C-alpha atoms as a PDB file:
ATOM      1  CA  MET A   1     -41.054-101.746 -89.172  1.00  0.00           C
ATOM      2  CA  LYS A   2     -43.350 -99.429 -91.065  1.00  0.00           C
ATOM      3  CA  LEU A   3     -41.961 -96.320 -92.818  1.00  0.00           C
ATOM      4  CA  ASN A   4     -43.840 -93.409 -94.355  1.00  0.00           C
ATOM      5  CA  GLU A   5     -42.589 -93.610 -98.036  1.00  0.00           C
ATOM      6  CA  ARG A   6     -43.230 -89.882 -98.756  1.00  0.00           C
ATOM      7  CA  SER A   7     -41.412 -88.765 -95.600  1.00  0.00           C
ATOM      8  CA  VAL A   8     -38.584 -91.066 -96.215  1.00  0.00           C
ATOM      9  CA  ALA A   9     -38.287 -90.037 -99.824  1.00  0.00           C
ATOM     10  CA  HIS A  10     -38.257 -86.280 -98.764  1.00  0.00           C
ATOM     11  CA  TYR A  11     -35.550 -86.992 -96.195  1.00  0.00           C
ATOM     12  CA  ALA A  12     -33.344 -88.821 -98.819  1.00  0.00           C
ATOM     13  CA  THR A  13     -33.399 -85.794-101.160  1.00  0.00           C
ATOM     14  CA  CYS A  14     -33.671 -82.866 -98.876  1.00  0.00           C
ATOM     15  CA  ASP A  15     -30.760 -80.530 -98.141  1.00  0.00           C
ATOM     16  CA  SER A  16     -29.768 -82.135 -94.894  1.00  0.00           C
ATOM     17  CA  PRO A  17     -26.095 -83.257 -94.859  1.00  0.00           C
ATOM     18  CA  ALA A  18     -25.147 -86.654 -95.779  1.00  0.00           C
ATOM     19  CA  ASP A  19     -22.650 -88.717 -93.750  1.00  0.00           C
ATOM     20  CA  HIS A  20     -21.285 -90.446 -96.872  1.00  0.00           C
ATOM     21  CA  THR A  21     -21.995 -90.624-100.571  1.00  0.00           C
ATOM     22  CA  GLY A  22     -20.656 -92.317-103.644  1.00  0.00           C
ATOM     23  CA  PHE A  23     -21.170 -94.796-106.386  1.00  0.00           C
ATOM     24  CA  LEU A  24     -21.259 -98.505-105.502  1.00  0.00           C
ATOM     25  CA  ARG A  25     -22.179-101.639-107.615  1.00  0.00           C
ATOM     26  CA  LYS A  26     -24.931-103.513-105.924  1.00  0.00           C
ATOM     27  CA  ARG A  27     -25.067-107.297-106.538  1.00  0.00           C
ATOM     28  CA  VAL A  28     -28.395-108.450-108.037  1.00  0.00           C
ATOM     29  CA  GLU A  29     -29.296-112.302-107.576  1.00  0.00           C
ATOM     30  CA  ARG A  30     -31.099-113.652-110.688  1.00  0.00           C
ATOM     31  CA  HIS A  31     -32.776-116.896-109.631  1.00  0.00           C
ATOM     32  CA  HIS A  32     -34.235-117.665-113.084  1.00  0.00           C
ATOM     33  CA  HIS A  33     -31.043-117.481-114.869  1.00  0.00           C
ATOM     34  CA  HIS A  34     -28.941-118.877-111.857  1.00  0.00           C
ATOM     35  CA  GLY A  35     -26.529-115.988-112.216  1.00  0.00           C
ATOM     36  CA  THR A  36     -25.246-112.776-110.651  1.00  0.00           C
ATOM     37  CA  SER A  37     -24.958-109.337-111.934  1.00  0.00           C
ATOM     38  CA  TYR A  38     -23.949-105.893-110.473  1.00  0.00           C
ATOM     39  CA  GLN A  39     -25.883-102.678-111.016  1.00  0.00           C
ATOM     40  CA  ARG A  40     -24.154 -99.326-110.463  1.00  0.00           C
ATOM     41  CA  ARG A  41     -26.060 -97.116-108.090  1.00  0.00           C
ATOM     42  CA  TRP A  42     -25.660 -93.897-106.367  1.00  0.00           C
ATOM     43  CA  PHE A  43     -25.627 -94.333-102.582  1.00  0.00           C
ATOM     44  CA  VAL A  44     -26.496 -91.854 -99.839  1.00  0.00           C
ATOM     45  CA  LEU A  45     -25.981 -92.498 -96.182  1.00  0.00           C
ATOM     46  CA  LYS A  46     -27.918 -90.328 -93.674  1.00  0.00           C
ATOM     47  CA  GLY A  47     -27.822 -91.441 -90.020  1.00  0.00           C
ATOM     48  CA  ASN A  48     -28.754 -95.137 -90.060  1.00  0.00           C
ATOM     49  CA  LEU A  49     -30.500 -95.054 -93.436  1.00  0.00           C
ATOM     50  CA  LEU A  50     -28.819 -96.006 -96.574  1.00  0.00           C
ATOM     51  CA  PHE A  51     -30.563 -94.815 -99.743  1.00  0.00           C
ATOM     52  CA  TYR A  52     -29.579 -95.898-103.212  1.00  0.00           C
ATOM     53  CA  PHE A  53     -30.613 -94.080-106.387  1.00  0.00           C
ATOM     54  CA  GLU A  54     -30.520 -95.099-110.129  1.00  0.00           C
ATOM     55  CA  GLU A  55     -28.497 -91.993-110.941  1.00  0.00           C
ATOM     56  CA  ARG A  56     -26.882 -89.185-108.923  1.00  0.00           C
ATOM     57  CA  GLU A  57     -29.491 -86.728-110.287  1.00  0.00           C
ATOM     58  CA  SER A  58     -32.432 -88.931-109.426  1.00  0.00           C
ATOM     59  CA  ARG A  59     -35.150 -87.290-107.200  1.00  0.00           C
ATOM     60  CA  GLU A  60     -36.467 -90.491-105.683  1.00  0.00           C
ATOM     61  CA  PRO A  61     -34.624 -93.500-104.042  1.00  0.00           C
ATOM     62  CA  MET A  62     -34.877 -96.838-105.558  1.00  0.00           C
ATOM     63  CA  GLY A  63     -34.531 -98.561-102.176  1.00  0.00           C
ATOM     64  CA  LEU A  64     -33.540 -98.233 -98.710  1.00  0.00           C
ATOM     65  CA  VAL A  65     -31.432-100.248 -96.167  1.00  0.00           C
ATOM     66  CA  VAL A  66     -31.984 -99.680 -92.339  1.00  0.00           C
ATOM     67  CA  LEU A  67     -28.670-100.278 -90.737  1.00  0.00           C
ATOM     68  CA  GLU A  68     -29.947-101.848 -87.418  1.00  0.00           C
ATOM     69  CA  GLY A  69     -29.021-105.230 -86.218  1.00  0.00           C
ATOM     70  CA  CYS A  70     -26.501-105.763 -89.004  1.00  0.00           C
ATOM     71  CA  THR A  71     -22.699-106.107 -89.412  1.00  0.00           C
ATOM     72  CA  VAL A  72     -20.529-104.659 -92.180  1.00  0.00           C
ATOM     73  CA  GLU A  73     -17.658-106.979 -93.228  1.00  0.00           C
ATOM     74  CA  LEU A  74     -15.398-107.814 -96.189  1.00  0.00           C
ATOM     75  CA  CYS A  75     -16.451-110.723 -98.320  1.00  0.00           C
ATOM     76  CA  GLU A  76     -14.965-113.008-100.838  1.00  0.00           C
ATOM     77  CA  ALA A  77     -16.534-112.385-104.249  1.00  0.00           C
ATOM     78  CA  ALA A  78     -15.633-112.523-107.871  1.00  0.00           C
ATOM     79  CA  GLU A  79     -15.510-108.662-107.918  1.00  0.00           C
ATOM     80  CA  GLU A  80     -12.661-106.970-106.135  1.00  0.00           C
ATOM     81  CA  PHE A  81     -13.171-104.460-103.222  1.00  0.00           C
ATOM     82  CA  ALA A  82     -16.403-106.176-102.227  1.00  0.00           C
ATOM     83  CA  PHE A  83     -18.088-105.959 -98.812  1.00  0.00           C
ATOM     84  CA  ALA A  84     -21.438-107.151 -97.419  1.00  0.00           C
ATOM     85  CA  ILE A  85     -24.121-105.857 -95.050  1.00  0.00           C
ATOM     86  CA  ARG A  86     -25.438-108.900 -93.164  1.00  0.00           C
ATOM     87  CA  PHE A  87     -28.269-108.904 -90.742  1.00  0.00           C
ATOM     88  CA  ASP A  88     -28.616-110.931 -87.605  1.00  0.00           C
ATOM     89  CA  ASP A  89     -32.016-112.371 -88.313  1.00  0.00           C
ATOM     90  CA  ALA A  90     -32.046-115.848 -89.839  1.00  0.00           C
ATOM     91  CA  GLY A  91     -33.001-115.781 -93.534  1.00  0.00           C
ATOM     92  CA  ALA A  92     -32.517-112.039 -93.853  1.00  0.00           C
ATOM     93  CA  ARG A  93     -31.168-110.647 -97.057  1.00  0.00           C
ATOM     94  CA  ALA A  94     -27.498-109.730 -97.374  1.00  0.00           C
ATOM     95  CA  TYR A  95     -26.480-106.743 -99.458  1.00  0.00           C
ATOM     96  CA  VAL A  96     -23.154-107.250-101.272  1.00  0.00           C
ATOM     97  CA  LEU A  97     -21.574-103.955-102.550  1.00  0.00           C
ATOM     98  CA  VAL A  98     -18.517-103.298-104.598  1.00  0.00           C
ATOM     99  CA  ALA A  99     -16.528-100.151-104.411  1.00  0.00           C
ATOM    100  CA  ASP A 100     -14.308 -98.595-107.063  1.00  0.00           C
ATOM    101  CA  GLY A 101     -11.149 -98.920-105.194  1.00  0.00           C
ATOM    102  CA  GLN A 102      -9.480 -99.903-101.863  1.00  0.00           C
ATOM    103  CA  ALA A 103      -9.795 -96.398-100.327  1.00  0.00           C
ATOM    104  CA  ALA A 104     -13.369 -96.117-101.223  1.00  0.00           C
ATOM    105  CA  MET A 105     -14.178 -99.549 -99.764  1.00  0.00           C
ATOM    106  CA  GLU A 106     -12.524 -98.795 -96.494  1.00  0.00           C
ATOM    107  CA  ALA A 107     -14.114 -95.500 -96.307  1.00  0.00           C
ATOM    108  CA  TRP A 108     -17.616 -97.064 -96.921  1.00  0.00           C
ATOM    109  CA  VAL A 109     -17.117 -99.925 -94.341  1.00  0.00           C
ATOM    110  CA  LYS A 110     -16.101 -97.489 -91.726  1.00  0.00           C
ATOM    111  CA  ALA A 111     -18.993 -95.151 -92.277  1.00  0.00           C
ATOM    112  CA  LEU A 112     -21.582 -97.925 -92.403  1.00  0.00           C
ATOM    113  CA  SER A 113     -20.161 -99.627 -89.291  1.00  0.00           C
ATOM    114  CA  ARG A 114     -20.745 -96.490 -87.276  1.00  0.00           C
ATOM    115  CA  ALA A 115     -24.165 -95.666 -88.682  1.00  0.00           C
ATOM    116  CA  SER A 116     -26.387 -97.836 -86.386  1.00  0.00           C
ATOM    117  CA  PHE A 117     -27.890 -96.706 -83.095  1.00  0.00           C
ATOM    118  CA  ASP A 118     -26.302 -99.746 -81.414  1.00  0.00           C
ATOM    119  CA  TYR A 119     -22.895 -98.278 -82.157  1.00  0.00           C
ATOM    120  CA  MET A 120     -23.810 -94.943 -80.989  1.00  0.00           C
ATOM    121  CA  ARG A 121     -25.217 -96.389 -77.789  1.00  0.00           C
ATOM    122  CA  LEU A 122     -21.764 -98.076 -77.239  1.00  0.00           C
ATOM    123  CA  VAL A 123     -19.987 -94.797 -77.917  1.00  0.00           C
ATOM    124  CA  VAL A 124     -22.259 -92.854 -75.498  1.00  0.00           C
ATOM    125  CA  ARG A 125     -21.715 -95.433 -72.713  1.00  0.00           C
ATOM    126  CA  GLU A 126     -17.892 -95.109 -73.154  1.00  0.00           C
ATOM    127  CA  LEU A 127     -18.102 -91.374 -73.078  1.00  0.00           C
ATOM    128  CA  GLU A 128     -20.349 -91.525 -69.939  1.00  0.00           C
ATOM    129  CA  LYS A 129     -17.884 -93.796 -68.317  1.00  0.00           C
ATOM    130  CA  GLN A 130     -14.952 -91.507 -69.136  1.00  0.00           C
ATOM    131  CA  LEU A 131     -16.882 -88.428 -67.832  1.00  0.00           C
ATOM    132  CA  GLU A 132     -17.777 -90.327 -64.503  1.00  0.00           C
ATOM    133  CA  GLU A 133     -14.023 -91.234 -64.060  1.00  0.00           C
ATOM    134  CA  ALA A 134     -13.076 -87.610 -64.802  1.00  0.00           C
ATOM    135  CA  CYS A 135     -15.598 -86.419 -62.195  1.00  0.00           C
ATOM    136  CA  LYS A 136     -14.309 -88.719 -59.582  1.00  0.00           C
ATOM    137  CA  SER A 137     -10.709 -87.668 -60.309  1.00  0.00           C
ATOM    138  CA  LEU A 138     -11.646 -83.867 -59.976  1.00  0.00           C
ATOM    139  CA  ALA A 139     -13.605 -84.464 -56.781  1.00  0.00           C
ATOM    140  CA  ALA A 140     -10.576 -86.400 -55.249  1.00  0.00           C
ATOM    141  CA  CYS A 141      -8.223 -83.433 -56.252  1.00  0.00           C
ATOM    142  CA  ARG A 142     -10.643 -80.967 -54.635  1.00  0.00           C
ATOM    143  CA  LYS A 143     -10.743 -82.944 -51.413  1.00  0.00           C
ATOM    144  CA  SER A 144      -7.006 -83.471 -51.008  1.00  0.00           C
ATOM    145  CA  PRO A 145      -5.389 -80.721 -48.907  1.00  0.00           C
ATOM    146  CA  ARG A 146      -3.644 -78.098 -50.892  1.00  0.00           C
ATOM    147  CA  ARG A 147       0.069 -77.421 -50.418  1.00  0.00           C
ATOM    148  CA  SER A 148       0.474 -74.707 -47.881  1.00  0.00           C
ATOM    149  CA  SER A 149       2.184 -71.511 -48.894  1.00  0.00           C
ATOM    150  CA  SER A 150       3.309 -70.749 -45.334  1.00  0.00           C
ATOM    151  CA  GLY A 151       6.633 -72.241 -46.352  1.00  0.00           C
ATOM    152  CA  ARG A 152       7.209 -69.624 -48.990  1.00  0.00           C
ATOM    153  CA  LYS A 153       6.010 -66.868 -46.590  1.00  0.00           C
ATOM    154  CA  ARG A 154       8.578 -68.015 -44.026  1.00  0.00           C
ATOM    155  CA  HIS A 155      11.241 -68.072 -46.642  1.00  0.00           C
ATOM    156  CA  LEU A 156      10.440 -64.476 -47.628  1.00  0.00           C
ATOM    157  CA  SER A 157      10.230 -63.333 -44.080  1.00  0.00           C
ATOM    158  CA  ASN A 158      13.931 -64.654 -43.403  1.00  0.00           C
ATOM    159  CA  PRO A 159      16.168 -61.772 -44.500  1.00  0.00           C
ATOM    160  CA  ALA A 160      19.075 -64.172 -44.819  1.00  0.00           C
ATOM    161  CA  LEU A 161      17.274 -66.081 -47.467  1.00  0.00           C
ATOM    162  CA  GLN A 162      16.084 -63.126 -49.602  1.00  0.00           C
ATOM    163  CA  PRO A 163      17.881 -62.377 -52.735  1.00  0.00           C
ATOM    164  CA  LEU A 164      19.815 -59.247 -52.595  1.00  0.00           C
ATOM    165  CA  GLN A 165      20.654 -57.127 -55.516  1.00  0.00           C
ATOM    166  CA  GLU A 166      23.969 -55.526 -55.839  1.00  0.00           C
ATOM    167  CA  LYS A 167      22.532 -52.044 -56.691  1.00  0.00           C
ATOM    168  CA  PRO A 168      19.127 -50.387 -56.547  1.00  0.00           C
ATOM    169  CA  THR A 169      16.864 -51.437 -59.444  1.00  0.00           C
ATOM    170  CA  THR A 170      13.976 -49.011 -59.360  1.00  0.00           C
ATOM    171  CA  LEU A 171      13.247 -45.543 -58.099  1.00  0.00           C
ATOM    172  CA  GLU A 172       9.885 -44.981 -56.417  1.00  0.00           C
ATOM    173  CA  ASN A 173       9.023 -41.493 -55.441  1.00  0.00           C
ATOM    174  CA  GLY A 174      12.653 -40.603 -55.507  1.00  0.00           C
ATOM    175  CA  CYS A 175      13.616 -43.511 -53.153  1.00  0.00           C
ATOM    176  CA  SER A 176      16.178 -46.135 -54.038  1.00  0.00           C
ATOM    177  CA  THR A 177      14.580 -49.438 -53.396  1.00  0.00           C
ATOM    178  CA  TRP A 178      16.636 -52.585 -52.470  1.00  0.00           C
ATOM    179  CA  SER A 179      14.743 -55.927 -52.508  1.00  0.00           C
ATOM    180  CA  SER A 180      11.567 -55.360 -50.461  1.00  0.00           C
ATOM    181  CA  GLY A 181      13.126 -52.835 -47.984  1.00  0.00           C
ATOM    182  CA  GLY A 182      11.571 -49.800 -49.459  1.00  0.00           C
ATOM    183  CA  CYS A 183      13.409 -46.459 -49.026  1.00  0.00           C
ATOM    184  CA  VAL A 184      16.764 -47.331 -47.405  1.00  0.00           C
ATOM    185  CA  ALA A 185      18.525 -44.668 -45.317  1.00  0.00           C
ATOM    186  CA  GLY A 186      22.103 -43.823 -46.184  1.00  0.00           C
ATOM    187  CA  GLY A 187      23.469 -45.398 -43.023  1.00  0.00           C
ATOM    188  CA  ALA A 188      21.330 -48.609 -43.151  1.00  0.00           C
ATOM    189  CA  THR A 189      22.859 -51.863 -44.118  1.00  0.00           C
ATOM    190  CA  SER A 190      21.497 -55.236 -45.032  1.00  0.00           C
ATOM    191  CA  PRO A 191      23.286 -58.741 -45.001  1.00  0.00           C
ATOM    192  CA  ASP A 192      24.575 -59.961 -48.228  1.00  0.00           C
ATOM    193  CA  HIS A 193      24.708 -63.602 -49.553  1.00  0.00           C
ATOM    194  CA  ASP A 194      28.121 -64.148 -47.698  1.00  0.00           C
ATOM    195  CA  GLY A 195      26.634 -63.150 -44.243  1.00  0.00           C
ATOM    196  CA  GLY A 196      28.477 -59.825 -44.276  1.00  0.00           C
ATOM    197  CA  GLN A 197      27.200 -56.264 -44.402  1.00  0.00           C
ATOM    198  CA  THR A 198      26.614 -54.464 -47.622  1.00  0.00           C
ATOM    199  CA  LYS A 199      27.474 -50.800 -48.040  1.00  0.00           C
ATOM    200  CA  PRO A 200      24.884 -48.249 -48.655  1.00  0.00           C
ATOM    201  CA  PRO A 201      24.712 -46.700 -52.115  1.00  0.00           C
ATOM    202  CA  PRO A 202      27.765 -44.480 -52.902  1.00  0.00           C
ATOM    203  CA  LEU A 203      27.193 -40.737 -52.217  1.00  0.00           C
ATOM    204  CA  PRO A 204      27.568 -38.288 -55.055  1.00  0.00           C
ATOM    205  CA  PRO A 205      31.126 -36.672 -55.175  1.00  0.00           C
ATOM    206  CA  ARG A 206      31.776 -33.389 -53.650  1.00  0.00           C
ATOM    207  CA  ARG A 207      31.266 -30.495 -56.195  1.00  0.00           C
ATOM    208  CA  ARG A 208      32.597 -27.032 -56.083  1.00  0.00           C
ATOM    209  CA  SER A 209      30.108 -24.175 -55.406  1.00  0.00           C
ATOM    210  CA  ALA A 210      29.478 -22.031 -58.481  1.00  0.00           C
ATOM    211  CA  ALA A 211      29.465 -19.043 -56.006  1.00  0.00           C
ATOM    212  CA  SER A 212      32.769 -19.952 -54.541  1.00  0.00           C
ATOM    213  CA  SER A 213      35.913 -17.829 -55.175  1.00  0.00           C
ATOM    214  CA  ALA A 214      38.993 -18.877 -56.948  1.00  0.00           C
ATOM    215  CA  THR A 215      40.674 -19.500 -53.721  1.00  0.00           C
ATOM    216  CA  GLY A 216      37.891 -21.926 -52.695  1.00  0.00           C
ATOM    217  CA  SER A 217      36.321 -19.653 -50.003  1.00  0.00           C
ATOM    218  CA  PRO A 218      32.576 -20.201 -49.657  1.00  0.00           C
ATOM    219  CA  ALA A 219      30.196 -17.761 -51.078  1.00  0.00           C
ATOM    220  CA  PRO A 220      28.386 -15.571 -48.674  1.00  0.00           C
ATOM    221  CA  GLY A 221      25.149 -17.061 -47.408  1.00  0.00           C
ATOM    222  CA  LEU A 222      26.333 -20.732 -47.453  1.00  0.00           C
ATOM    223  CA  SER A 223      27.027 -22.337 -44.290  1.00  0.00           C
ATOM    224  CA  PRO A 224      30.234 -24.303 -43.767  1.00  0.00           C
ATOM    225  CA  ALA A 225      28.083 -27.314 -42.895  1.00  0.00           C
ATOM    226  CA  MET A 226      26.472 -27.212 -46.303  1.00  0.00           C
ATOM    227  CA  LEU A 227      29.950 -27.461 -47.955  1.00  0.00           C
ATOM    228  CA  GLU A 228      31.400 -29.969 -45.611  1.00  0.00           C
ATOM    229  CA  SER A 229      28.636 -32.514 -46.040  1.00  0.00           C
ATOM    230  CA  PRO A 230      27.197 -31.923 -49.604  1.00  0.00           C
ATOM    231  CA  VAL A 231      25.172 -35.159 -49.367  1.00  0.00           C
ATOM    232  CA  PRO A 232      24.610 -36.122 -45.772  1.00  0.00           C
ATOM    233  CA  PRO A 233      23.281 -39.507 -44.932  1.00  0.00           C
ATOM    234  CA  GLU A 234      19.747 -38.278 -44.300  1.00  0.00           C
ATOM    235  CA  THR A 235      19.370 -36.923 -47.884  1.00  0.00           C
ATOM    236  CA  ILE A 236      18.999 -40.191 -49.623  1.00  0.00           C
ATOM    237  CA  CYS A 237      15.346 -39.365 -50.564  1.00  0.00           C
ATOM    238  CA  PHE A 238      14.908 -37.154 -53.598  1.00  0.00           C
ATOM    239  CA  SER A 239      12.903 -34.554 -51.741  1.00  0.00           C
ATOM    240  CA  LYS A 240      15.599 -33.949 -49.225  1.00  0.00           C
ATOM    241  CA  LEU A 241      18.221 -33.688 -51.936  1.00  0.00           C
ATOM    242  CA  HIS A 242      16.149 -31.194 -53.795  1.00  0.00           C
ATOM    243  CA  ASN A 243      15.748 -29.117 -50.777  1.00  0.00           C
ATOM    244  CA  TRP A 244      19.387 -29.227 -49.900  1.00  0.00           C
ATOM    245  CA  TYR A 245      20.613 -28.274 -53.399  1.00  0.00           C
ATOM    246  CA  GLY A 246      17.917 -25.722 -53.483  1.00  0.00           C
ATOM    247  CA  GLN A 247      19.678 -23.683 -50.702  1.00  0.00           C
ATOM    248  CA  GLU A 248      22.681 -22.914 -52.887  1.00  0.00           C
ATOM    249  CA  ILE A 249      20.371 -21.977 -55.861  1.00  0.00           C
ATOM    250  CA  ALA A 250      18.453 -19.670 -53.615  1.00  0.00           C
ATOM    251  CA  VAL A 251      21.707 -17.974 -52.403  1.00  0.00           C
ATOM    252  CA  LEU A 252      22.880 -17.552 -56.123  1.00  0.00           C
ATOM    253  CA  ARG A 253      19.552 -16.153 -56.975  1.00  0.00           C
ATOM    254  CA  ARG A 254      19.609 -13.637 -54.212  1.00  0.00           C
ATOM    255  CA  GLU A 255      23.088 -12.457 -55.260  1.00  0.00           C
ATOM    256  CA  TRP A 256      21.999 -12.154 -58.917  1.00  0.00           C
ATOM    257  CA  GLN A 257      19.018  -9.988 -57.943  1.00  0.00           C
ATOM    258  CA  GLU A 258      21.256  -7.753 -55.821  1.00  0.00           C
ATOM    259  CA  ARG A 259      23.640  -7.239 -58.729  1.00  0.00           C
ATOM    260  CA  GLN A 260      20.615  -6.419 -60.940  1.00  0.00           C
ATOM    261  CA  LYS A 261      19.567  -3.722 -58.492  1.00  0.00           C
ATOM    262  CA  ARG A 262      22.990  -2.269 -58.370  1.00  0.00           C
ATOM    263  CA  GLY A 263      23.068  -2.108 -62.103  1.00  0.00           C
ATOM    264  CA  HIS A 264      25.740  -4.683 -62.729  1.00  0.00           C
ATOM    265  CA  PRO A 265      25.144  -7.479 -65.051  1.00  0.00           C
END
């Protein structure tokens, strides 16, 4: 494989983020002296390219390892925390590297093992398989009949199964609302949980008219029916209650106006 040295060198030192960096000792075979030595180098991993520099501040890489068709594995060496990059081709050179510690070695082996395009292809295939299974599962869920909500509607339409509150909970436009019955008339009843009949809301107590005399005689202008039934059944709604009590207020106001005309306070 041919690489443009200038482009590769620029990519090694440009501001693009690196996948992993750190110092490693690289084993060097000395054939003339039949010995082995290690050189400390600064390594930079970008994609599937492993660059190594003489120093961390160096502007040009000393070498490059293309991480394709290779495996990364631990190896037995005189140095501790050693691992090797071995290629599948027969006679290909193996790179033996030594980290500074156990954690650094594991991090490098993990990063280098995931750097090749072969690994990325495996990951993409697995993700595609999972996506296909998820799509099939979603399609099956959409084709399956949904649970009908008619059962709930029938349940709510049956008055015997509706929850009944002991007393009105809200007031809407002056009307006491029980369950979903809206404005309930004073004489209306609804079944309770025991199958009996519930009573309508209690009527306000009788009150004495401010215009009545000490003996309890009604004030002029008030009909006996008004005092006999201060809150008749048909006055459950606020508007009717307002009109009914307004009759007494109107009588008291007329009496006060007449006294003002006669000059009495």
